[in-house]
Amino acid sequence: GYPDGHVAEVHGSIHHLQCTVPCGDRIWPVDDLRVLLDEESMRA
């Protein structure tokens, strides 16, 4: 329940994504992203 703007996350957030290159400075929310996982190997 803390306002998002009142939380300074010095290492960023797993709930936002960026380009690996990166091609620019765009950051976008993960929204409903689901990553399917092989539980045995822990690979996506």
PDB file of all heavy atoms in Angstrom:
ATOM      1  N   GLY A   1       0.763  -1.235   0.000  1.00  0.00           N
ATOM      2  CA  GLY A   1       0.000   0.000   0.000  1.00  0.00           C
ATOM      3  C   GLY A   1       0.791   1.280   0.000  1.00  0.00           C
ATOM      4  O   GLY A   1       0.214   2.375   0.076  1.00  0.00           O
ATOM      5  N   TYR A   2       2.108   1.204  -0.104  1.00  0.00           N
ATOM      6  CA  TYR A   2       2.920   2.423  -0.176  1.00  0.00           C
ATOM      7  C   TYR A   2       2.795   3.018  -1.581  1.00  0.00           C
ATOM      8  O   TYR A   2       2.849   2.285  -2.577  1.00  0.00           O
ATOM      9  CB  TYR A   2       4.390   2.114   0.106  1.00  0.00           C
ATOM     10  CG  TYR A   2       4.685   1.700   1.525  1.00  0.00           C
ATOM     11  CD1 TYR A   2       4.290   0.447   2.004  1.00  0.00           C
ATOM     12  CD2 TYR A   2       5.359   2.549   2.394  1.00  0.00           C
ATOM     13  CE1 TYR A   2       4.561   0.057   3.313  1.00  0.00           C
ATOM     14  CE2 TYR A   2       5.642   2.160   3.695  1.00  0.00           C
ATOM     15  CZ  TYR A   2       5.236   0.917   4.155  1.00  0.00           C
ATOM     16  OH  TYR A   2       5.503   0.529   5.441  1.00  0.00           O
ATOM     17  N   PRO A   3       2.663   4.349  -1.690  1.00  0.00           N
ATOM     18  CA  PRO A   3       2.622   4.965  -3.022  1.00  0.00           C
ATOM     19  C   PRO A   3       3.902   4.645  -3.803  1.00  0.00           C
ATOM     20  O   PRO A   3       5.006   4.743  -3.263  1.00  0.00           O
ATOM     21  CB  PRO A   3       2.517   6.463  -2.721  1.00  0.00           C
ATOM     22  CG  PRO A   3       1.945   6.541  -1.344  1.00  0.00           C
ATOM     23  CD  PRO A   3       2.483   5.341  -0.612  1.00  0.00           C
ATOM     24  N   ASP A   4       3.750   4.281  -5.049  1.00  0.00           N
ATOM     25  CA  ASP A   4       4.893   3.879  -5.865  1.00  0.00           C
ATOM     26  C   ASP A   4       5.964   4.966  -5.909  1.00  0.00           C
ATOM     27  O   ASP A   4       7.164   4.680  -5.848  1.00  0.00           O
ATOM     28  CB  ASP A   4       4.415   3.547  -7.283  1.00  0.00           C
ATOM     29  CG  ASP A   4       5.482   2.883  -8.124  1.00  0.00           C
ATOM     30  OD1 ASP A   4       6.189   2.002  -7.594  1.00  0.00           O
ATOM     31  OD2 ASP A   4       5.625   3.239  -9.300  1.00  0.00           O
ATOM     32  N   GLY A   5       5.547   6.217  -5.971  1.00  0.00           N
ATOM     33  CA  GLY A   5       6.499   7.308  -6.054  1.00  0.00           C
ATOM     34  C   GLY A   5       7.252   7.580  -4.774  1.00  0.00           C
ATOM     35  O   GLY A   5       8.220   8.350  -4.775  1.00  0.00           O
ATOM     36  N   HIS A   6       6.847   6.965  -3.660  1.00  0.00           N
ATOM     37  CA  HIS A   6       7.512   7.163  -2.382  1.00  0.00           C
ATOM     38  C   HIS A   6       8.491   6.034  -2.067  1.00  0.00           C
ATOM     39  O   HIS A   6       9.037   5.986  -0.969  1.00  0.00           O
ATOM     40  CB  HIS A   6       6.489   7.267  -1.251  1.00  0.00           C
ATOM     41  CG  HIS A   6       5.691   8.532  -1.292  1.00  0.00           C
ATOM     42  ND1 HIS A   6       4.718   8.841  -0.356  1.00  0.00           N
ATOM     43  CD2 HIS A   6       5.719   9.586  -2.157  1.00  0.00           C
ATOM     44  CE1 HIS A   6       4.191  10.018  -0.642  1.00  0.00           C
ATOM     45  NE2 HIS A   6       4.778  10.476  -1.734  1.00  0.00           N
ATOM     46  N   VAL A   7       8.702   5.124  -3.009  1.00  0.00           N
ATOM     47  CA  VAL A   7       9.604   3.987  -2.806  1.00  0.00           C
ATOM     48  C   VAL A   7      10.779   4.114  -3.776  1.00  0.00           C
ATOM     49  O   VAL A   7      10.604   4.004  -4.994  1.00  0.00           O
ATOM     50  CB  VAL A   7       8.870   2.642  -3.037  1.00  0.00           C
ATOM     51  CG1 VAL A   7       9.817   1.473  -2.776  1.00  0.00           C
ATOM     52  CG2 VAL A   7       7.635   2.551  -2.144  1.00  0.00           C
ATOM     53  N   ALA A   8      11.962   4.377  -3.246  1.00  0.00           N
ATOM     54  CA  ALA A   8      13.170   4.491  -4.054  1.00  0.00           C
ATOM     55  C   ALA A   8      13.848   3.129  -4.094  1.00  0.00           C
ATOM     56  O   ALA A   8      14.376   2.655  -3.084  1.00  0.00           O
ATOM     57  CB  ALA A   8      14.110   5.543  -3.468  1.00  0.00           C
ATOM     58  N   GLU A   9      13.814   2.488  -5.257  1.00  0.00           N
ATOM     59  CA  GLU A   9      14.367   1.145  -5.426  1.00  0.00           C
ATOM     60  C   GLU A   9      15.739   1.274  -6.086  1.00  0.00           C
ATOM     61  O   GLU A   9      15.848   1.365  -7.309  1.00  0.00           O
ATOM     62  CB  GLU A   9      13.404   0.302  -6.273  1.00  0.00           C
ATOM     63  CG  GLU A   9      12.056   0.102  -5.585  1.00  0.00           C
ATOM     64  CD  GLU A   9      10.954  -0.351  -6.528  1.00  0.00           C
ATOM     65  OE1 GLU A   9      10.716   0.335  -7.539  1.00  0.00           O
ATOM     66  OE2 GLU A   9      10.318  -1.385  -6.245  1.00  0.00           O
ATOM     67  N   VAL A  10      16.772   1.260  -5.265  1.00  0.00           N
ATOM     68  CA  VAL A  10      18.117   1.578  -5.748  1.00  0.00           C
ATOM     69  C   VAL A  10      18.637   0.550  -6.747  1.00  0.00           C
ATOM     70  O   VAL A  10      19.503   0.869  -7.569  1.00  0.00           O
ATOM     71  CB  VAL A  10      19.078   1.736  -4.550  1.00  0.00           C
ATOM     72  CG1 VAL A  10      19.312   0.414  -3.844  1.00  0.00           C
ATOM     73  CG2 VAL A  10      20.404   2.361  -4.981  1.00  0.00           C
ATOM     74  N   HIS A  11      18.116  -0.669  -6.705  1.00  0.00           N
ATOM     75  CA  HIS A  11      18.531  -1.725  -7.637  1.00  0.00           C
ATOM     76  C   HIS A  11      17.463  -2.023  -8.677  1.00  0.00           C
ATOM     77  O   HIS A  11      17.563  -3.017  -9.392  1.00  0.00           O
ATOM     78  CB  HIS A  11      18.893  -3.003  -6.876  1.00  0.00           C
ATOM     79  CG  HIS A  11      20.130  -2.868  -6.042  1.00  0.00           C
ATOM     80  ND1 HIS A  11      20.466  -3.779  -5.055  1.00  0.00           N
ATOM     81  CD2 HIS A  11      21.114  -1.937  -6.048  1.00  0.00           C
ATOM     82  CE1 HIS A  11      21.603  -3.397  -4.485  1.00  0.00           C
ATOM     83  NE2 HIS A  11      22.003  -2.282  -5.075  1.00  0.00           N
ATOM     84  N   GLY A  12      16.435  -1.183  -8.785  1.00  0.00           N
ATOM     85  CA  GLY A  12      15.405  -1.408  -9.779  1.00  0.00           C
ATOM     86  C   GLY A  12      14.301  -2.324  -9.280  1.00  0.00           C
ATOM     87  O   GLY A  12      14.162  -2.573  -8.084  1.00  0.00           O
ATOM     88  N   SER A  13      13.520  -2.849 -10.224  1.00  0.00           N
ATOM     89  CA  SER A  13      12.346  -3.651  -9.875  1.00  0.00           C
ATOM     90  C   SER A  13      12.158  -4.785 -10.869  1.00  0.00           C
ATOM     91  O   SER A  13      12.269  -4.585 -12.086  1.00  0.00           O
ATOM     92  CB  SER A  13      11.090  -2.771  -9.886  1.00  0.00           C
ATOM     93  OG  SER A  13       9.923  -3.561  -9.810  1.00  0.00           O
ATOM     94  N   ILE A  14      11.835  -5.962 -10.348  1.00  0.00           N
ATOM     95  CA  ILE A  14      11.567  -7.113 -11.209  1.00  0.00           C
ATOM     96  C   ILE A  14      10.229  -6.960 -11.936  1.00  0.00           C
ATOM     97  O   ILE A  14       9.959  -7.690 -12.902  1.00  0.00           O
ATOM     98  CB  ILE A  14      11.589  -8.420 -10.383  1.00  0.00           C
ATOM     99  CG1 ILE A  14      11.815  -9.629 -11.299  1.00  0.00           C
ATOM    100  CG2 ILE A  14      10.309  -8.568  -9.559  1.00  0.00           C
ATOM    101  CD1 ILE A  14      12.113 -10.918 -10.561  1.00  0.00           C
ATOM    102  N   HIS A  15       9.411  -6.010 -11.511  1.00  0.00           N
ATOM    103  CA  HIS A  15       8.105  -5.808 -12.114  1.00  0.00           C
ATOM    104  C   HIS A  15       8.151  -4.856 -13.310  1.00  0.00           C
ATOM    105  O   HIS A  15       7.103  -4.447 -13.823  1.00  0.00           O
ATOM    106  CB  HIS A  15       7.129  -5.285 -11.060  1.00  0.00           C
ATOM    107  CG  HIS A  15       6.972  -6.223  -9.896  1.00  0.00           C
ATOM    108  ND1 HIS A  15       6.261  -7.389  -9.982  1.00  0.00           N
ATOM    109  CD2 HIS A  15       7.470  -6.179  -8.634  1.00  0.00           C
ATOM    110  CE1 HIS A  15       6.308  -8.026  -8.819  1.00  0.00           C
ATOM    111  NE2 HIS A  15       7.027  -7.307  -7.988  1.00  0.00           N
ATOM    112  N   HIS A  16       9.356  -4.520 -13.755  1.00  0.00           N
ATOM    113  CA  HIS A  16       9.552  -3.692 -14.942  1.00  0.00           C
ATOM    114  C   HIS A  16      10.646  -4.313 -15.809  1.00  0.00           C
ATOM    115  O   HIS A  16      11.552  -4.983 -15.309  1.00  0.00           O
ATOM    116  CB  HIS A  16       9.928  -2.265 -14.566  1.00  0.00           C
ATOM    117  CG  HIS A  16       8.809  -1.510 -13.916  1.00  0.00           C
ATOM    118  ND1 HIS A  16       8.484  -1.679 -12.586  1.00  0.00           N
ATOM    119  CD2 HIS A  16       7.916  -0.614 -14.417  1.00  0.00           C
ATOM    120  CE1 HIS A  16       7.444  -0.902 -12.292  1.00  0.00           C
ATOM    121  NE2 HIS A  16       7.091  -0.253 -13.385  1.00  0.00           N
ATOM    122  N   LEU A  17      10.545  -4.101 -17.112  1.00  0.00           N
ATOM    123  CA  LEU A  17      11.487  -4.673 -18.067  1.00  0.00           C
ATOM    124  C   LEU A  17      12.216  -3.577 -18.832  1.00  0.00           C
ATOM    125  O   LEU A  17      11.786  -2.427 -18.871  1.00  0.00           O
ATOM    126  CB  LEU A  17      10.748  -5.575 -19.062  1.00  0.00           C
ATOM    127  CG  LEU A  17       9.944  -6.750 -18.500  1.00  0.00           C
ATOM    128  CD1 LEU A  17       9.273  -7.514 -19.638  1.00  0.00           C
ATOM    129  CD2 LEU A  17      10.814  -7.674 -17.672  1.00  0.00           C
ATOM    130  N   GLN A  18      13.323  -3.978 -19.466  1.00  0.00           N
ATOM    131  CA  GLN A  18      14.071  -3.103 -20.361  1.00  0.00           C
ATOM    132  C   GLN A  18      14.681  -3.967 -21.453  1.00  0.00           C
ATOM    133  O   GLN A  18      14.683  -5.199 -21.372  1.00  0.00           O
ATOM    134  CB  GLN A  18      15.181  -2.376 -19.601  1.00  0.00           C
ATOM    135  CG  GLN A  18      16.275  -3.330 -19.087  1.00  0.00           C
ATOM    136  CD  GLN A  18      17.517  -2.615 -18.632  1.00  0.00           C
ATOM    137  OE1 GLN A  18      17.568  -2.096 -17.522  1.00  0.00           O
ATOM    138  NE2 GLN A  18      18.550  -2.609 -19.482  1.00  0.00           N
ATOM    139  N   CYS A  19      15.217  -3.335 -22.468  1.00  0.00           N
ATOM    140  CA  CYS A  19      15.913  -4.053 -23.543  1.00  0.00           C
ATOM    141  C   CYS A  19      17.278  -4.507 -23.052  1.00  0.00           C
ATOM    142  O   CYS A  19      17.944  -3.804 -22.288  1.00  0.00           O
ATOM    143  CB  CYS A  19      16.070  -3.120 -24.747  1.00  0.00           C
ATOM    144  SG  CYS A  19      16.935  -3.851 -26.156  1.00  0.00           S
ATOM    145  N   THR A  20      17.725  -5.691 -23.488  1.00  0.00           N
ATOM    146  CA  THR A  20      19.052  -6.173 -23.088  1.00  0.00           C
ATOM    147  C   THR A  20      20.172  -5.413 -23.779  1.00  0.00           C
ATOM    148  O   THR A  20      21.298  -5.386 -23.285  1.00  0.00           O
ATOM    149  CB  THR A  20      19.214  -7.669 -23.400  1.00  0.00           C
ATOM    150  OG1 THR A  20      18.870  -7.900 -24.773  1.00  0.00           O
ATOM    151  CG2 THR A  20      18.347  -8.529 -22.510  1.00  0.00           C
ATOM    152  N   VAL A  21      19.923  -4.779 -24.906  1.00  0.00           N
ATOM    153  CA  VAL A  21      21.012  -4.150 -25.662  1.00  0.00           C
ATOM    154  C   VAL A  21      21.689  -3.027 -24.883  1.00  0.00           C
ATOM    155  O   VAL A  21      22.927  -3.076 -24.745  1.00  0.00           O
ATOM    156  CB  VAL A  21      20.500  -3.701 -27.042  1.00  0.00           C
ATOM    157  CG1 VAL A  21      21.593  -2.945 -27.791  1.00  0.00           C
ATOM    158  CG2 VAL A  21      20.032  -4.904 -27.867  1.00  0.00           C
ATOM    159  N   PRO A  22      21.006  -2.005 -24.316  1.00  0.00           N
ATOM    160  CA  PRO A  22      19.641  -1.606 -24.629  1.00  0.00           C
ATOM    161  C   PRO A  22      19.613  -0.683 -25.845  1.00  0.00           C
ATOM    162  O   PRO A  22      20.539   0.075 -26.080  1.00  0.00           O
ATOM    163  CB  PRO A  22      19.234  -0.836 -23.365  1.00  0.00           C
ATOM    164  CG  PRO A  22      20.511  -0.239 -22.862  1.00  0.00           C
ATOM    165  CD  PRO A  22      21.615  -1.185 -23.248  1.00  0.00           C
ATOM    166  N   CYS A  23      18.498  -0.748 -26.579  1.00  0.00           N
ATOM    167  CA  CYS A  23      18.361   0.096 -27.764  1.00  0.00           C
ATOM    168  C   CYS A  23      17.922   1.506 -27.402  1.00  0.00           C
ATOM    169  O   CYS A  23      17.996   2.419 -28.233  1.00  0.00           O
ATOM    170  CB  CYS A  23      17.371  -0.531 -28.745  1.00  0.00           C
ATOM    171  SG  CYS A  23      15.670  -0.617 -28.125  1.00  0.00           S
ATOM    172  N   GLY A  24      17.443   1.710 -26.193  1.00  0.00           N
ATOM    173  CA  GLY A  24      16.997   3.016 -25.722  1.00  0.00           C
ATOM    174  C   GLY A  24      16.764   2.949 -24.234  1.00  0.00           C
ATOM    175  O   GLY A  24      17.150   1.982 -23.577  1.00  0.00           O
ATOM    176  N   ASP A  25      16.110   3.980 -23.696  1.00  0.00           N
ATOM    177  CA  ASP A  25      15.904   4.012 -22.246  1.00  0.00           C
ATOM    178  C   ASP A  25      14.484   3.646 -21.848  1.00  0.00           C
ATOM    179  O   ASP A  25      14.058   3.916 -20.738  1.00  0.00           O
ATOM    180  CB  ASP A  25      16.283   5.381 -21.682  1.00  0.00           C
ATOM    181  CG  ASP A  25      15.377   6.503 -22.174  1.00  0.00           C
ATOM    182  OD1 ASP A  25      14.512   6.241 -23.037  1.00  0.00           O
ATOM    183  OD2 ASP A  25      15.543   7.639 -21.689  1.00  0.00           O
ATOM    184  N   ARG A  26      13.752   2.997 -22.745  1.00  0.00           N
ATOM    185  CA  ARG A  26      12.379   2.598 -22.407  1.00  0.00           C
ATOM    186  C   ARG A  26      12.386   1.566 -21.282  1.00  0.00           C
ATOM    187  O   ARG A  26      13.170   0.619 -21.272  1.00  0.00           O
ATOM    188  CB  ARG A  26      11.654   2.011 -23.615  1.00  0.00           C
ATOM    189  CG  ARG A  26      10.200   1.588 -23.261  1.00  0.00           C
ATOM    190  CD  ARG A  26       9.582   0.687 -24.318  1.00  0.00           C
ATOM    191  NE  ARG A  26       9.139   1.451 -25.465  1.00  0.00           N
ATOM    192  CZ  ARG A  26       7.957   1.261 -26.070  1.00  0.00           C
ATOM    193  NH1 ARG A  26       7.122   0.338 -25.621  1.00  0.00           N
ATOM    194  NH2 ARG A  26       7.624   1.970 -27.123  1.00  0.00           N
ATOM    195  N   ILE A  27      11.475   1.752 -20.323  1.00  0.00           N
ATOM    196  CA  ILE A  27      11.202   0.791 -19.249  1.00  0.00           C
ATOM    197  C   ILE A  27       9.699   0.560 -19.247  1.00  0.00           C
ATOM    198  O   ILE A  27       8.929   1.521 -19.295  1.00  0.00           O
ATOM    199  CB  ILE A  27      11.664   1.343 -17.882  1.00  0.00           C
ATOM    200  CG1 ILE A  27      13.184   1.550 -17.865  1.00  0.00           C
ATOM    201  CG2 ILE A  27      11.251   0.400 -16.759  1.00  0.00           C
ATOM    202  CD1 ILE A  27      13.680   2.323 -16.659  1.00  0.00           C
ATOM    203  N   TRP A  28       9.267  -0.692 -19.221  1.00  0.00           N
ATOM    204  CA  TRP A  28       7.834  -0.960 -19.277  1.00  0.00           C
ATOM    205  C   TRP A  28       7.446  -2.004 -18.236  1.00  0.00           C
ATOM    206  O   TRP A  28       8.272  -2.848 -17.841  1.00  0.00           O
ATOM    207  CB  TRP A  28       7.422  -1.397 -20.685  1.00  0.00           C
ATOM    208  CG  TRP A  28       8.005  -2.699 -21.184  1.00  0.00           C
ATOM    209  CD1 TRP A  28       7.429  -3.931 -21.142  1.00  0.00           C
ATOM    210  CD2 TRP A  28       9.288  -2.887 -21.817  1.00  0.00           C
ATOM    211  NE1 TRP A  28       8.255  -4.882 -21.704  1.00  0.00           N
ATOM    212  CE2 TRP A  28       9.396  -4.266 -22.137  1.00  0.00           C
ATOM    213  CE3 TRP A  28      10.347  -2.030 -22.139  1.00  0.00           C
ATOM    214  CZ2 TRP A  28      10.539  -4.804 -22.748  1.00  0.00           C
ATOM    215  CZ3 TRP A  28      11.470  -2.569 -22.754  1.00  0.00           C
ATOM    216  CH2 TRP A  28      11.558  -3.935 -23.055  1.00  0.00           C
ATOM    217  N   PRO A  29       6.204  -1.954 -17.757  1.00  0.00           N
ATOM    218  CA  PRO A  29       5.764  -2.903 -16.723  1.00  0.00           C
ATOM    219  C   PRO A  29       5.595  -4.309 -17.283  1.00  0.00           C
ATOM    220  O   PRO A  29       5.292  -4.487 -18.468  1.00  0.00           O
ATOM    221  CB  PRO A  29       4.429  -2.326 -16.251  1.00  0.00           C
ATOM    222  CG  PRO A  29       3.943  -1.522 -17.409  1.00  0.00           C
ATOM    223  CD  PRO A  29       5.170  -0.969 -18.080  1.00  0.00           C
ATOM    224  N   VAL A  30       5.782  -5.303 -16.427  1.00  0.00           N
ATOM    225  CA  VAL A  30       5.644  -6.695 -16.873  1.00  0.00           C
ATOM    226  C   VAL A  30       4.181  -7.043 -17.135  1.00  0.00           C
ATOM    227  O   VAL A  30       3.885  -7.963 -17.894  1.00  0.00           O
ATOM    228  CB  VAL A  30       6.229  -7.686 -15.841  1.00  0.00           C
ATOM    229  CG1 VAL A  30       7.714  -7.525 -15.709  1.00  0.00           C
ATOM    230  CG2 VAL A  30       5.541  -7.555 -14.493  1.00  0.00           C
ATOM    231  N   ASP A  31       3.269  -6.296 -16.496  1.00  0.00           N
ATOM    232  CA  ASP A  31       1.824  -6.558 -16.646  1.00  0.00           C
ATOM    233  C   ASP A  31       1.519  -8.030 -16.383  1.00  0.00           C
ATOM    234  O   ASP A  31       1.840  -8.546 -15.328  1.00  0.00           O
ATOM    235  CB  ASP A  31       1.336  -6.115 -18.026  1.00  0.00           C
ATOM    236  CG  ASP A  31       1.390  -4.599 -18.190  1.00  0.00           C
ATOM    237  OD1 ASP A  31       1.251  -3.898 -17.170  1.00  0.00           O
ATOM    238  OD2 ASP A  31       1.579  -4.114 -19.319  1.00  0.00           O
ATOM    239  N   ASP A  32       0.940  -8.736 -17.353  1.00  0.00           N
ATOM    240  CA  ASP A  32       0.521 -10.123 -17.132  1.00  0.00           C
ATOM    241  C   ASP A  32       1.518 -11.131 -17.704  1.00  0.00           C
ATOM    242  O   ASP A  32       1.172 -12.281 -17.978  1.00  0.00           O
ATOM    243  CB  ASP A  32      -0.864 -10.364 -17.720  1.00  0.00           C
ATOM    244  CG  ASP A  32      -0.931 -10.051 -19.219  1.00  0.00           C
ATOM    245  OD1 ASP A  32       0.077  -9.543 -19.767  1.00  0.00           O
ATOM    246  OD2 ASP A  32      -1.981 -10.324 -19.829  1.00  0.00           O
ATOM    247  N   LEU A  33       2.773 -10.719 -17.869  1.00  0.00           N
ATOM    248  CA  LEU A  33       3.797 -11.624 -18.402  1.00  0.00           C
ATOM    249  C   LEU A  33       3.908 -12.899 -17.576  1.00  0.00           C
ATOM    250  O   LEU A  33       3.976 -12.855 -16.352  1.00  0.00           O
ATOM    251  CB  LEU A  33       5.147 -10.913 -18.420  1.00  0.00           C
ATOM    252  CG  LEU A  33       6.370 -11.790 -18.743  1.00  0.00           C
ATOM    253  CD1 LEU A  33       6.347 -12.234 -20.200  1.00  0.00           C
ATOM    254  CD2 LEU A  33       7.660 -11.041 -18.431  1.00  0.00           C
ATOM    255  N   ARG A  34       3.914 -14.039 -18.251  1.00  0.00           N
ATOM    256  CA  ARG A  34       4.163 -15.325 -17.596  1.00  0.00           C
ATOM    257  C   ARG A  34       5.301 -16.019 -18.328  1.00  0.00           C
ATOM    258  O   ARG A  34       5.262 -16.176 -19.558  1.00  0.00           O
ATOM    259  CB  ARG A  34       2.910 -16.215 -17.645  1.00  0.00           C
ATOM    260  CG  ARG A  34       1.726 -15.650 -16.869  1.00  0.00           C
ATOM    261  CD  ARG A  34       1.975 -15.676 -15.367  1.00  0.00           C
ATOM    262  NE  ARG A  34       0.900 -15.019 -14.636  1.00  0.00           N
ATOM    263  CZ  ARG A  34       0.927 -14.794 -13.335  1.00  0.00           C
ATOM    264  NH1 ARG A  34       1.965 -15.167 -12.628  1.00  0.00           N
ATOM    265  NH2 ARG A  34      -0.085 -14.179 -12.747  1.00  0.00           N
ATOM    266  N   VAL A  35       6.300 -16.425 -17.588  1.00  0.00           N
ATOM    267  CA  VAL A  35       7.443 -17.131 -18.166  1.00  0.00           C
ATOM    268  C   VAL A  35       7.287 -18.614 -17.825  1.00  0.00           C
ATOM    269  O   VAL A  35       7.286 -19.003 -16.650  1.00  0.00           O
ATOM    270  CB  VAL A  35       8.779 -16.589 -17.609  1.00  0.00           C
ATOM    271  CG1 VAL A  35       9.943 -17.365 -18.195  1.00  0.00           C
ATOM    272  CG2 VAL A  35       8.903 -15.100 -17.910  1.00  0.00           C
ATOM    273  N   LEU A  36       7.142 -19.440 -18.842  1.00  0.00           N
ATOM    274  CA  LEU A  36       7.005 -20.887 -18.626  1.00  0.00           C
ATOM    275  C   LEU A  36       8.362 -21.465 -18.272  1.00  0.00           C
ATOM    276  O   LEU A  36       9.400 -21.065 -18.814  1.00  0.00           O
ATOM    277  CB  LEU A  36       6.455 -21.557 -19.876  1.00  0.00           C
ATOM    278  CG  LEU A  36       5.070 -21.079 -20.327  1.00  0.00           C
ATOM    279  CD1 LEU A  36       4.658 -21.778 -21.615  1.00  0.00           C
ATOM    280  CD2 LEU A  36       4.034 -21.297 -19.224  1.00  0.00           C
ATOM    281  N   LEU A  37       8.347 -22.445 -17.358  1.00  0.00           N
ATOM    282  CA  LEU A  37       9.603 -22.921 -16.770  1.00  0.00           C
ATOM    283  C   LEU A  37       9.656 -24.442 -16.761  1.00  0.00           C
ATOM    284  O   LEU A  37       8.661 -25.105 -16.465  1.00  0.00           O
ATOM    285  CB  LEU A  37       9.693 -22.390 -15.333  1.00  0.00           C
ATOM    286  CG  LEU A  37      11.026 -22.466 -14.620  1.00  0.00           C
ATOM    287  CD1 LEU A  37      12.023 -21.502 -15.239  1.00  0.00           C
ATOM    288  CD2 LEU A  37      10.839 -22.135 -13.138  1.00  0.00           C
ATOM    289  N   ASP A  38      10.821 -24.981 -17.109  1.00  0.00           N
ATOM    290  CA  ASP A  38      11.117 -26.396 -16.875  1.00  0.00           C
ATOM    291  C   ASP A  38      11.650 -26.497 -15.451  1.00  0.00           C
ATOM    292  O   ASP A  38      12.774 -26.083 -15.174  1.00  0.00           O
ATOM    293  CB  ASP A  38      12.164 -26.883 -17.879  1.00  0.00           C
ATOM    294  CG  ASP A  38      12.523 -28.341 -17.682  1.00  0.00           C
ATOM    295  OD1 ASP A  38      12.346 -28.869 -16.565  1.00  0.00           O
ATOM    296  OD2 ASP A  38      13.010 -28.969 -18.637  1.00  0.00           O
ATOM    297  N   GLU A  39      10.828 -27.019 -14.532  1.00  0.00           N
ATOM    298  CA  GLU A  39      11.181 -27.021 -13.113  1.00  0.00           C
ATOM    299  C   GLU A  39      12.433 -27.847 -12.828  1.00  0.00           C
ATOM    300  O   GLU A  39      13.151 -27.581 -11.866  1.00  0.00           O
ATOM    301  CB  GLU A  39      10.008 -27.564 -12.282  1.00  0.00           C
ATOM    302  CG  GLU A  39       8.766 -26.697 -12.322  1.00  0.00           C
ATOM    303  CD  GLU A  39       8.903 -25.443 -11.468  1.00  0.00           C
ATOM    304  OE1 GLU A  39       9.875 -25.351 -10.702  1.00  0.00           O
ATOM    305  OE2 GLU A  39       8.028 -24.563 -11.578  1.00  0.00           O
ATOM    306  N   GLU A  40      12.713 -28.870 -13.631  1.00  0.00           N
ATOM    307  CA  GLU A  40      13.880 -29.719 -13.387  1.00  0.00           C
ATOM    308  C   GLU A  40      15.171 -28.974 -13.676  1.00  0.00           C
ATOM    309  O   GLU A  40      16.124 -29.026 -12.897  1.00  0.00           O
ATOM    310  CB  GLU A  40      13.793 -30.984 -14.246  1.00  0.00           C
ATOM    311  CG  GLU A  40      14.962 -31.944 -14.062  1.00  0.00           C
ATOM    312  CD  GLU A  40      15.053 -32.521 -12.654  1.00  0.00           C
ATOM    313  OE1 GLU A  40      14.014 -32.587 -11.965  1.00  0.00           O
ATOM    314  OE2 GLU A  40      16.169 -32.893 -12.262  1.00  0.00           O
ATOM    315  N   SER A  41      15.213 -28.285 -14.796  1.00  0.00           N
ATOM    316  CA  SER A  41      16.448 -27.588 -15.185  1.00  0.00           C
ATOM    317  C   SER A  41      16.450 -26.120 -14.778  1.00  0.00           C
ATOM    318  O   SER A  41      17.481 -25.459 -14.865  1.00  0.00           O
ATOM    319  CB  SER A  41      16.633 -27.677 -16.699  1.00  0.00           C
ATOM    320  OG  SER A  41      15.622 -26.941 -17.381  1.00  0.00           O
ATOM    321  N   MET A  42      15.286 -25.606 -14.373  1.00  0.00           N
ATOM    322  CA  MET A  42      15.108 -24.187 -14.033  1.00  0.00           C
ATOM    323  C   MET A  42      15.408 -23.288 -15.227  1.00  0.00           C
ATOM    324  O   MET A  42      15.865 -22.152 -15.082  1.00  0.00           O
ATOM    325  CB  MET A  42      15.977 -23.792 -12.840  1.00  0.00           C
ATOM    326  CG  MET A  42      15.500 -24.354 -11.513  1.00  0.00           C
ATOM    327  SD  MET A  42      13.848 -23.774 -11.044  1.00  0.00           S
ATOM    328  CE  MET A  42      14.188 -22.067 -10.664  1.00  0.00           C
ATOM    329  N   ARG A  43      15.129 -23.802 -16.419  1.00  0.00           N
ATOM    330  CA  ARG A  43      15.297 -22.991 -17.629  1.00  0.00           C
ATOM    331  C   ARG A  43      13.933 -22.566 -18.167  1.00  0.00           C
ATOM    332  O   ARG A  43      12.974 -23.332 -18.121  1.00  0.00           O
ATOM    333  CB  ARG A  43      16.070 -23.775 -18.697  1.00  0.00           C
ATOM    334  CG  ARG A  43      17.517 -24.016 -18.331  1.00  0.00           C
ATOM    335  CD  ARG A  43      18.253 -24.836 -19.381  1.00  0.00           C
ATOM    336  NE  ARG A  43      19.625 -25.067 -18.964  1.00  0.00           N
ATOM    337  CZ  ARG A  43      20.631 -24.218 -19.185  1.00  0.00           C
ATOM    338  NH1 ARG A  43      20.400 -23.095 -19.853  1.00  0.00           N
ATOM    339  NH2 ARG A  43      21.843 -24.477 -18.758  1.00  0.00           N
ATOM    340  N   ALA A  44      13.892 -21.352 -18.676  1.00  0.00           N
ATOM    341  CA  ALA A  44      12.658 -20.835 -19.251  1.00  0.00           C
ATOM    342  C   ALA A  44      12.430 -21.424 -20.628  1.00  0.00           C
ATOM    343  O   ALA A  44      13.380 -21.714 -21.376  1.00  0.00           O
ATOM    344  CB  ALA A  44      12.729 -19.318 -19.332  1.00  0.00           C
TER     345      ALA A  44
END
